[in-house]
Amino acid sequence: VIIGGQVGIIDHIEIGDRAMIAAQSGIVKSIPPGEVVSGSPAISHRLNLKTSSLTTRLPEFNQRLRDLEKKIEELEKQSEKDEV
């Protein structure tokens, strides 16, 4: 088991053989053998990396969503006009 610095671990859990816990992780449930976790609460390290990279793009995604909603509204208005 490898545990990075400043990791918090709650009582009464098991950490499996060869598990790796990244620094500053919060362990709130048992970790299976060979699992690599990070974050607080700790999740799969790969998932944590994906989540972190997407979080930085949320403003961009929000703007794209607003643009698409506006376009849909325009198309619906145009469709209503065409039906009449």
PDB file of N, CA and C in Angstrom:
ATOM      1  N   VAL A   1       0.851  -1.179   0.000  1.00  0.00           N
ATOM      2  CA  VAL A   1       0.000   0.000   0.000  1.00  0.00           C
ATOM      3  C   VAL A   1       0.892   1.235   0.000  1.00  0.00           C
ATOM      4  N   ILE A   2       0.527   2.198  -0.850  1.00  0.00           N
ATOM      5  CA  ILE A   2       1.227   3.482  -0.881  1.00  0.00           C
ATOM      6  C   ILE A   2       0.205   4.566  -0.569  1.00  0.00           C
ATOM      7  N   ILE A   3       0.507   5.378   0.437  1.00  0.00           N
ATOM      8  CA  ILE A   3      -0.393   6.457   0.835  1.00  0.00           C
ATOM      9  C   ILE A   3       0.383   7.765   0.797  1.00  0.00           C
ATOM     10  N   GLY A   4      -0.096   8.715  -0.018  1.00  0.00           N
ATOM     11  CA  GLY A   4       0.535  10.023  -0.107  1.00  0.00           C
ATOM     12  C   GLY A   4       0.307  10.835   1.161  1.00  0.00           C
ATOM     13  N   GLY A   5       0.969  11.978   1.225  1.00  0.00           N
ATOM     14  CA  GLY A   5       0.867  12.854   2.387  1.00  0.00           C
ATOM     15  C   GLY A   5      -0.501  13.506   2.522  1.00  0.00           C
ATOM     16  N   GLN A   6      -0.836  13.862   3.735  1.00  0.00           N
ATOM     17  CA  GLN A   6      -2.057  14.587   4.078  1.00  0.00           C
ATOM     18  C   GLN A   6      -3.333  13.868   3.630  1.00  0.00           C
ATOM     19  N   VAL A   7      -3.328  12.549   3.723  1.00  0.00           N
ATOM     20  CA  VAL A   7      -4.512  11.752   3.386  1.00  0.00           C
ATOM     21  C   VAL A   7      -5.346  11.567   4.648  1.00  0.00           C
ATOM     22  N   GLY A   8      -6.656  11.749   4.514  1.00  0.00           N
ATOM     23  CA  GLY A   8      -7.567  11.495   5.630  1.00  0.00           C
ATOM     24  C   GLY A   8      -8.292  10.182   5.402  1.00  0.00           C
ATOM     25  N   ILE A   9      -8.296   9.326   6.421  1.00  0.00           N
ATOM     26  CA  ILE A   9      -8.928   8.011   6.311  1.00  0.00           C
ATOM     27  C   ILE A   9      -9.886   7.837   7.485  1.00  0.00           C
ATOM     28  N   ILE A  10     -11.160   7.508   7.191  1.00  0.00           N
ATOM     29  CA  ILE A  10     -12.123   7.287   8.269  1.00  0.00           C
ATOM     30  C   ILE A  10     -11.901   5.917   8.899  1.00  0.00           C
ATOM     31  N   ASP A  11     -12.553   5.696  10.021  1.00  0.00           N
ATOM     32  CA  ASP A  11     -12.422   4.431  10.758  1.00  0.00           C
ATOM     33  C   ASP A  11     -13.112   3.274  10.050  1.00  0.00           C
ATOM     34  N   HIS A  12     -12.678   2.082  10.388  1.00  0.00           N
ATOM     35  CA  HIS A  12     -13.348   0.824  10.041  1.00  0.00           C
ATOM     36  C   HIS A  12     -13.469   0.584   8.535  1.00  0.00           C
ATOM     37  N   ILE A  13     -12.413   0.820   7.815  1.00  0.00           N
ATOM     38  CA  ILE A  13     -12.387   0.473   6.395  1.00  0.00           C
ATOM     39  C   ILE A  13     -11.167  -0.399   6.140  1.00  0.00           C
ATOM     40  N   GLU A  14     -11.146  -1.026   4.975  1.00  0.00           N
ATOM     41  CA  GLU A  14     -10.008  -1.852   4.583  1.00  0.00           C
ATOM     42  C   GLU A  14      -9.362  -1.251   3.347  1.00  0.00           C
ATOM     43  N   ILE A  15      -8.036  -1.300   3.317  1.00  0.00           N
ATOM     44  CA  ILE A  15      -7.282  -0.847   2.150  1.00  0.00           C
ATOM     45  C   ILE A  15      -6.554  -2.069   1.618  1.00  0.00           C
ATOM     46  N   GLY A  16      -6.899  -2.459   0.380  1.00  0.00           N
ATOM     47  CA  GLY A  16      -6.368  -3.682  -0.206  1.00  0.00           C
ATOM     48  C   GLY A  16      -4.889  -3.601  -0.539  1.00  0.00           C
ATOM     49  N   ASP A  17      -4.285  -4.770  -0.695  1.00  0.00           N
ATOM     50  CA  ASP A  17      -2.873  -4.857  -1.079  1.00  0.00           C
ATOM     51  C   ASP A  17      -2.628  -4.107  -2.385  1.00  0.00           C
ATOM     52  N   ARG A  18      -1.483  -3.480  -2.490  1.00  0.00           N
ATOM     53  CA  ARG A  18      -1.015  -2.758  -3.679  1.00  0.00           C
ATOM     54  C   ARG A  18      -1.896  -1.555  -4.032  1.00  0.00           C
ATOM     55  N   ALA A  19      -2.752  -1.133  -3.135  1.00  0.00           N
ATOM     56  CA  ALA A  19      -3.563   0.064  -3.387  1.00  0.00           C
ATOM     57  C   ALA A  19      -2.669   1.292  -3.312  1.00  0.00           C
ATOM     58  N   MET A  20      -3.028   2.308  -4.087  1.00  0.00           N
ATOM     59  CA  MET A  20      -2.285   3.569  -4.075  1.00  0.00           C
ATOM     60  C   MET A  20      -3.279   4.707  -3.829  1.00  0.00           C
ATOM     61  N   ILE A  21      -2.945   5.563  -2.876  1.00  0.00           N
ATOM     62  CA  ILE A  21      -3.812   6.684  -2.516  1.00  0.00           C
ATOM     63  C   ILE A  21      -3.014   7.963  -2.704  1.00  0.00           C
ATOM     64  N   ALA A  22      -3.499   8.840  -3.581  1.00  0.00           N
ATOM     65  CA  ALA A  22      -2.797  10.089  -3.877  1.00  0.00           C
ATOM     66  C   ALA A  22      -2.864  11.040  -2.687  1.00  0.00           C
ATOM     67  N   ALA A  23      -1.903  11.946  -2.639  1.00  0.00           N
ATOM     68  CA  ALA A  23      -1.833  12.936  -1.567  1.00  0.00           C
ATOM     69  C   ALA A  23      -3.125  13.741  -1.470  1.00  0.00           C
ATOM     70  N   GLN A  24      -3.465  14.126  -0.265  1.00  0.00           N
ATOM     71  CA  GLN A  24      -4.620  14.962   0.064  1.00  0.00           C
ATOM     72  C   GLN A  24      -5.962  14.325  -0.312  1.00  0.00           C
ATOM     73  N   SER A  25      -5.988  13.005  -0.413  1.00  0.00           N
ATOM     74  CA  SER A  25      -7.242  12.303  -0.708  1.00  0.00           C
ATOM     75  C   SER A  25      -8.038  12.105   0.575  1.00  0.00           C
ATOM     76  N   GLY A  26      -9.335  11.978   0.413  1.00  0.00           N
ATOM     77  CA  GLY A  26     -10.217  11.681   1.539  1.00  0.00           C
ATOM     78  C   GLY A  26     -10.813  10.299   1.354  1.00  0.00           C
ATOM     79  N   ILE A  27     -10.421   9.364   2.184  1.00  0.00           N
ATOM     80  CA  ILE A  27     -10.859   7.977   2.046  1.00  0.00           C
ATOM     81  C   ILE A  27     -12.073   7.755   2.942  1.00  0.00           C
ATOM     82  N   VAL A  28     -13.232   7.511   2.313  1.00  0.00           N
ATOM     83  CA  VAL A  28     -14.478   7.349   3.066  1.00  0.00           C
ATOM     84  C   VAL A  28     -15.078   5.952   2.916  1.00  0.00           C
ATOM     85  N   LYS A  29     -14.415   5.100   2.141  1.00  0.00           N
ATOM     86  CA  LYS A  29     -14.879   3.717   2.001  1.00  0.00           C
ATOM     87  C   LYS A  29     -13.671   2.835   1.716  1.00  0.00           C
ATOM     88  N   SER A  30     -13.854   1.541   1.831  1.00  0.00           N
ATOM     89  CA  SER A  30     -12.762   0.598   1.610  1.00  0.00           C
ATOM     90  C   SER A  30     -12.232   0.700   0.185  1.00  0.00           C
ATOM     91  N   ILE A  31     -10.928   0.462   0.047  1.00  0.00           N
ATOM     92  CA  ILE A  31     -10.254   0.515  -1.249  1.00  0.00           C
ATOM     93  C   ILE A  31      -9.866  -0.913  -1.626  1.00  0.00           C
ATOM     94  N   PRO A  32     -10.312  -1.395  -2.806  1.00  0.00           N
ATOM     95  CA  PRO A  32      -9.974  -2.763  -3.220  1.00  0.00           C
ATOM     96  C   PRO A  32      -8.479  -2.909  -3.534  1.00  0.00           C
ATOM     97  N   PRO A  33      -7.983  -4.136  -3.542  1.00  0.00           N
ATOM     98  CA  PRO A  33      -6.580  -4.373  -3.878  1.00  0.00           C
ATOM     99  C   PRO A  33      -6.229  -3.821  -5.261  1.00  0.00           C
ATOM    100  N   GLY A  34      -5.072  -3.187  -5.360  1.00  0.00           N
ATOM    101  CA  GLY A  34      -4.573  -2.692  -6.635  1.00  0.00           C
ATOM    102  C   GLY A  34      -5.218  -1.417  -7.142  1.00  0.00           C
ATOM    103  N   GLU A  35      -6.188  -0.882  -6.427  1.00  0.00           N
ATOM    104  CA  GLU A  35      -6.903   0.324  -6.868  1.00  0.00           C
ATOM    105  C   GLU A  35      -6.030   1.565  -6.670  1.00  0.00           C
ATOM    106  N   VAL A  36      -6.111   2.502  -7.621  1.00  0.00           N
ATOM    107  CA  VAL A  36      -5.427   3.789  -7.515  1.00  0.00           C
ATOM    108  C   VAL A  36      -6.511   4.851  -7.393  1.00  0.00           C
ATOM    109  N   VAL A  37      -6.487   5.611  -6.294  1.00  0.00           N
ATOM    110  CA  VAL A  37      -7.536   6.595  -6.037  1.00  0.00           C
ATOM    111  C   VAL A  37      -6.934   7.957  -5.731  1.00  0.00           C
ATOM    112  N   SER A  38      -7.760   8.991  -5.942  1.00  0.00           N
ATOM    113  CA  SER A  38      -7.364  10.356  -5.599  1.00  0.00           C
ATOM    114  C   SER A  38      -8.614  11.186  -5.390  1.00  0.00           C
ATOM    115  N   GLY A  39      -8.442  12.346  -4.791  1.00  0.00           N
ATOM    116  CA  GLY A  39      -9.553  13.269  -4.603  1.00  0.00           C
ATOM    117  C   GLY A  39     -10.214  13.118  -3.252  1.00  0.00           C
ATOM    118  N   SER A  40     -11.166  13.997  -3.023  1.00  0.00           N
ATOM    119  CA  SER A  40     -11.894  13.977  -1.764  1.00  0.00           C
ATOM    120  C   SER A  40     -13.361  14.261  -2.033  1.00  0.00           C
ATOM    121  N   PRO A  41     -14.220  13.271  -1.934  1.00  0.00           N
ATOM    122  CA  PRO A  41     -13.914  11.902  -1.539  1.00  0.00           C
ATOM    123  C   PRO A  41     -13.150  11.172  -2.647  1.00  0.00           C
ATOM    124  N   ALA A  42     -12.358  10.213  -2.246  1.00  0.00           N
ATOM    125  CA  ALA A  42     -11.503   9.500  -3.196  1.00  0.00           C
ATOM    126  C   ALA A  42     -12.328   8.692  -4.189  1.00  0.00           C
ATOM    127  N   ILE A  43     -11.946   8.820  -5.457  1.00  0.00           N
ATOM    128  CA  ILE A  43     -12.538   8.038  -6.545  1.00  0.00           C
ATOM    129  C   ILE A  43     -11.395   7.519  -7.400  1.00  0.00           C
ATOM    130  N   SER A  44     -11.709   6.707  -8.382  1.00  0.00           N
ATOM    131  CA  SER A  44     -10.694   6.204  -9.303  1.00  0.00           C
ATOM    132  C   SER A  44      -9.855   7.373  -9.811  1.00  0.00           C
ATOM    133  N   HIS A  45      -8.546   7.201  -9.811  1.00  0.00           N
ATOM    134  CA  HIS A  45      -7.659   8.290 -10.232  1.00  0.00           C
ATOM    135  C   HIS A  45      -7.937   8.713 -11.674  1.00  0.00           C
ATOM    136  N   ARG A  46      -8.181   7.763 -12.562  1.00  0.00           N
ATOM    137  CA  ARG A  46      -8.488   8.105 -13.962  1.00  0.00           C
ATOM    138  C   ARG A  46      -9.747   8.959 -14.057  1.00  0.00           C
ATOM    139  N   LEU A  47     -10.787   8.571 -13.337  1.00  0.00           N
ATOM    140  CA  LEU A  47     -12.026   9.344 -13.340  1.00  0.00           C
ATOM    141  C   LEU A  47     -11.795  10.734 -12.755  1.00  0.00           C
ATOM    142  N   ASN A  48     -10.994  10.807 -11.710  1.00  0.00           N
ATOM    143  CA  ASN A  48     -10.694  12.099 -11.093  1.00  0.00           C
ATOM    144  C   ASN A  48      -9.965  13.014 -12.081  1.00  0.00           C
ATOM    145  N   LEU A  49      -9.031  12.477 -12.843  1.00  0.00           N
ATOM    146  CA  LEU A  49      -8.314  13.283 -13.840  1.00  0.00           C
ATOM    147  C   LEU A  49      -9.267  13.788 -14.919  1.00  0.00           C
ATOM    148  N   LYS A  50     -10.150  12.914 -15.414  1.00  0.00           N
ATOM    149  CA  LYS A  50     -11.119  13.325 -16.438  1.00  0.00           C
ATOM    150  C   LYS A  50     -12.046  14.410 -15.900  1.00  0.00           C
ATOM    151  N   THR A  51     -12.535  14.204 -14.688  1.00  0.00           N
ATOM    152  CA  THR A  51     -13.443  15.171 -14.072  1.00  0.00           C
ATOM    153  C   THR A  51     -12.760  16.522 -13.897  1.00  0.00           C
ATOM    154  N   SER A  52     -11.527  16.497 -13.436  1.00  0.00           N
ATOM    155  CA  SER A  52     -10.790  17.746 -13.230  1.00  0.00           C
ATOM    156  C   SER A  52     -10.570  18.491 -14.534  1.00  0.00           C
ATOM    157  N   SER A  53     -10.239  17.766 -15.597  1.00  0.00           N
ATOM    158  CA  SER A  53      -9.992  18.438 -16.875  1.00  0.00           C
ATOM    159  C   SER A  53     -11.280  19.011 -17.457  1.00  0.00           C
ATOM    160  N   LEU A  54     -12.405  18.329 -17.267  1.00  0.00           N
ATOM    161  CA  LEU A  54     -13.681  18.842 -17.771  1.00  0.00           C
ATOM    162  C   LEU A  54     -14.184  20.030 -16.960  1.00  0.00           C
ATOM    163  N   THR A  55     -13.891  20.050 -15.680  1.00  0.00           N
ATOM    164  CA  THR A  55     -14.341  21.144 -14.822  1.00  0.00           C
ATOM    165  C   THR A  55     -13.816  22.481 -15.319  1.00  0.00           C
ATOM    166  N   THR A  56     -12.596  22.510 -15.801  1.00  0.00           N
ATOM    167  CA  THR A  56     -12.030  23.770 -16.295  1.00  0.00           C
ATOM    168  C   THR A  56     -12.728  24.252 -17.557  1.00  0.00           C
ATOM    169  N   ARG A  57     -13.432  23.358 -18.245  1.00  0.00           N
ATOM    170  CA  ARG A  57     -14.116  23.729 -19.488  1.00  0.00           C
ATOM    171  C   ARG A  57     -15.599  24.026 -19.293  1.00  0.00           C
ATOM    172  N   LEU A  58     -16.087  23.986 -18.064  1.00  0.00           N
ATOM    173  CA  LEU A  58     -17.507  24.229 -17.806  1.00  0.00           C
ATOM    174  C   LEU A  58     -18.005  25.569 -18.345  1.00  0.00           C
ATOM    175  N   PRO A  59     -17.271  26.676 -18.189  1.00  0.00           N
ATOM    176  CA  PRO A  59     -17.765  27.934 -18.762  1.00  0.00           C
ATOM    177  C   PRO A  59     -17.964  27.848 -20.282  1.00  0.00           C
ATOM    178  N   GLU A  60     -17.048  27.191 -20.968  1.00  0.00           N
ATOM    179  CA  GLU A  60     -17.169  27.010 -22.422  1.00  0.00           C
ATOM    180  C   GLU A  60     -18.403  26.167 -22.749  1.00  0.00           C
ATOM    181  N   PHE A  61     -18.590  25.070 -22.028  1.00  0.00           N
ATOM    182  CA  PHE A  61     -19.752  24.212 -22.266  1.00  0.00           C
ATOM    183  C   PHE A  61     -21.052  24.949 -21.984  1.00  0.00           C
ATOM    184  N   ASN A  62     -21.064  25.759 -20.945  1.00  0.00           N
ATOM    185  CA  ASN A  62     -22.249  26.530 -20.599  1.00  0.00           C
ATOM    186  C   ASN A  62     -22.606  27.500 -21.724  1.00  0.00           C
ATOM    187  N   GLN A  63     -21.611  28.180 -22.281  1.00  0.00           N
ATOM    188  CA  GLN A  63     -21.868  29.116 -23.376  1.00  0.00           C
ATOM    189  C   GLN A  63     -22.376  28.375 -24.609  1.00  0.00           C
ATOM    190  N   ARG A  64     -21.774  27.240 -24.916  1.00  0.00           N
ATOM    191  CA  ARG A  64     -22.231  26.457 -26.067  1.00  0.00           C
ATOM    192  C   ARG A  64     -23.672  25.999 -25.879  1.00  0.00           C
ATOM    193  N   LEU A  65     -24.023  25.599 -24.661  1.00  0.00           N
ATOM    194  CA  LEU A  65     -25.389  25.181 -24.369  1.00  0.00           C
ATOM    195  C   LEU A  65     -26.361  26.337 -24.567  1.00  0.00           C
ATOM    196  N   ARG A  66     -26.009  27.510 -24.071  1.00  0.00           N
ATOM    197  CA  ARG A  66     -26.873  28.686 -24.246  1.00  0.00           C
ATOM    198  C   ARG A  66     -27.055  29.012 -25.731  1.00  0.00           C
ATOM    199  N   ASP A  67     -25.964  28.935 -26.487  1.00  0.00           N
ATOM    200  CA  ASP A  67     -26.044  29.203 -27.929  1.00  0.00           C
ATOM    201  C   ASP A  67     -26.969  28.199 -28.619  1.00  0.00           C
ATOM    202  N   LEU A  68     -26.852  26.927 -28.255  1.00  0.00           N
ATOM    203  CA  LEU A  68     -27.703  25.894 -28.853  1.00  0.00           C
ATOM    204  C   LEU A  68     -29.170  26.085 -28.471  1.00  0.00           C
ATOM    205  N   GLU A  69     -29.423  26.438 -27.214  1.00  0.00           N
ATOM    206  CA  GLU A  69     -30.803  26.694 -26.796  1.00  0.00           C
ATOM    207  C   GLU A  69     -31.404  27.860 -27.577  1.00  0.00           C
ATOM    208  N   LYS A  70     -30.605  28.894 -27.795  1.00  0.00           N
ATOM    209  CA  LYS A  70     -31.071  30.052 -28.559  1.00  0.00           C
ATOM    210  C   LYS A  70     -31.375  29.646 -30.002  1.00  0.00           C
ATOM    211  N   LYS A  71     -30.500  28.842 -30.585  1.00  0.00           N
ATOM    212  CA  LYS A  71     -30.693  28.387 -31.961  1.00  0.00           C
ATOM    213  C   LYS A  71     -31.961  27.531 -32.065  1.00  0.00           C
ATOM    214  N   ILE A  72     -32.177  26.647 -31.100  1.00  0.00           N
ATOM    215  CA  ILE A  72     -33.386  25.808 -31.098  1.00  0.00           C
ATOM    216  C   ILE A  72     -34.630  26.679 -31.012  1.00  0.00           C
ATOM    217  N   GLU A  73     -34.595  27.667 -30.152  1.00  0.00           N
ATOM    218  CA  GLU A  73     -35.736  28.576 -30.014  1.00  0.00           C
ATOM    219  C   GLU A  73     -36.020  29.292 -31.339  1.00  0.00           C
ATOM    220  N   GLU A  74     -34.971  29.749 -32.009  1.00  0.00           N
ATOM    221  CA  GLU A  74     -35.138  30.415 -33.304  1.00  0.00           C
ATOM    222  C   GLU A  74     -35.731  29.464 -34.340  1.00  0.00           C
ATOM    223  N   LEU A  75     -35.244  28.231 -34.364  1.00  0.00           N
ATOM    224  CA  LEU A  75     -35.748  27.244 -35.317  1.00  0.00           C
ATOM    225  C   LEU A  75     -37.207  26.886 -35.031  1.00  0.00           C
ATOM    226  N   GLU A  76     -37.567  26.784 -33.756  1.00  0.00           N
ATOM    227  CA  GLU A  76     -38.959  26.498 -33.404  1.00  0.00           C
ATOM    228  C   GLU A  76     -39.878  27.632 -33.838  1.00  0.00           C
ATOM    229  N   LYS A  77     -39.433  28.862 -33.651  1.00  0.00           N
ATOM    230  CA  LYS A  77     -40.235  30.011 -34.089  1.00  0.00           C
ATOM    231  C   LYS A  77     -40.400  29.998 -35.605  1.00  0.00           C
ATOM    232  N   GLN A  78     -39.321  29.702 -36.305  1.00  0.00           N
ATOM    233  CA  GLN A  78     -39.371  29.645 -37.768  1.00  0.00           C
ATOM    234  C   GLN A  78     -40.295  28.522 -38.223  1.00  0.00           C
ATOM    235  N   SER A  79     -40.233  27.384 -37.542  1.00  0.00           N
ATOM    236  CA  SER A  79     -41.085  26.249 -37.885  1.00  0.00           C
ATOM    237  C   SER A  79     -42.560  26.586 -37.675  1.00  0.00           C
ATOM    238  N   GLU A  80     -42.869  27.307 -36.607  1.00  0.00           N
ATOM    239  CA  GLU A  80     -44.247  27.721 -36.350  1.00  0.00           C
ATOM    240  C   GLU A  80     -44.752  28.650 -37.454  1.00  0.00           C
ATOM    241  N   LYS A  81     -43.901  29.546 -37.909  1.00  0.00           N
ATOM    242  CA  LYS A  81     -44.277  30.470 -38.986  1.00  0.00           C
ATOM    243  C   LYS A  81     -44.530  29.705 -40.283  1.00  0.00           C
ATOM    244  N   ASP A  82     -43.695  28.709 -40.543  1.00  0.00           N
ATOM    245  CA  ASP A  82     -43.824  27.931 -41.778  1.00  0.00           C
ATOM    246  C   ASP A  82     -45.100  27.087 -41.783  1.00  0.00           C
ATOM    247  N   GLU A  83     -45.569  26.669 -40.608  1.00  0.00           N
ATOM    248  CA  GLU A  83     -46.769  25.840 -40.511  1.00  0.00           C
ATOM    249  C   GLU A  83     -48.039  26.642 -40.752  1.00  0.00           C
ATOM    250  N   VAL A  84     -47.992  27.930 -40.495  1.00  0.00           N
ATOM    251  CA  VAL A  84     -49.195  28.766 -40.627  1.00  0.00           C
ATOM    252  C   VAL A  84     -49.416  29.177 -42.040  1.00  0.00           C
TER     253      VAL A  84
END
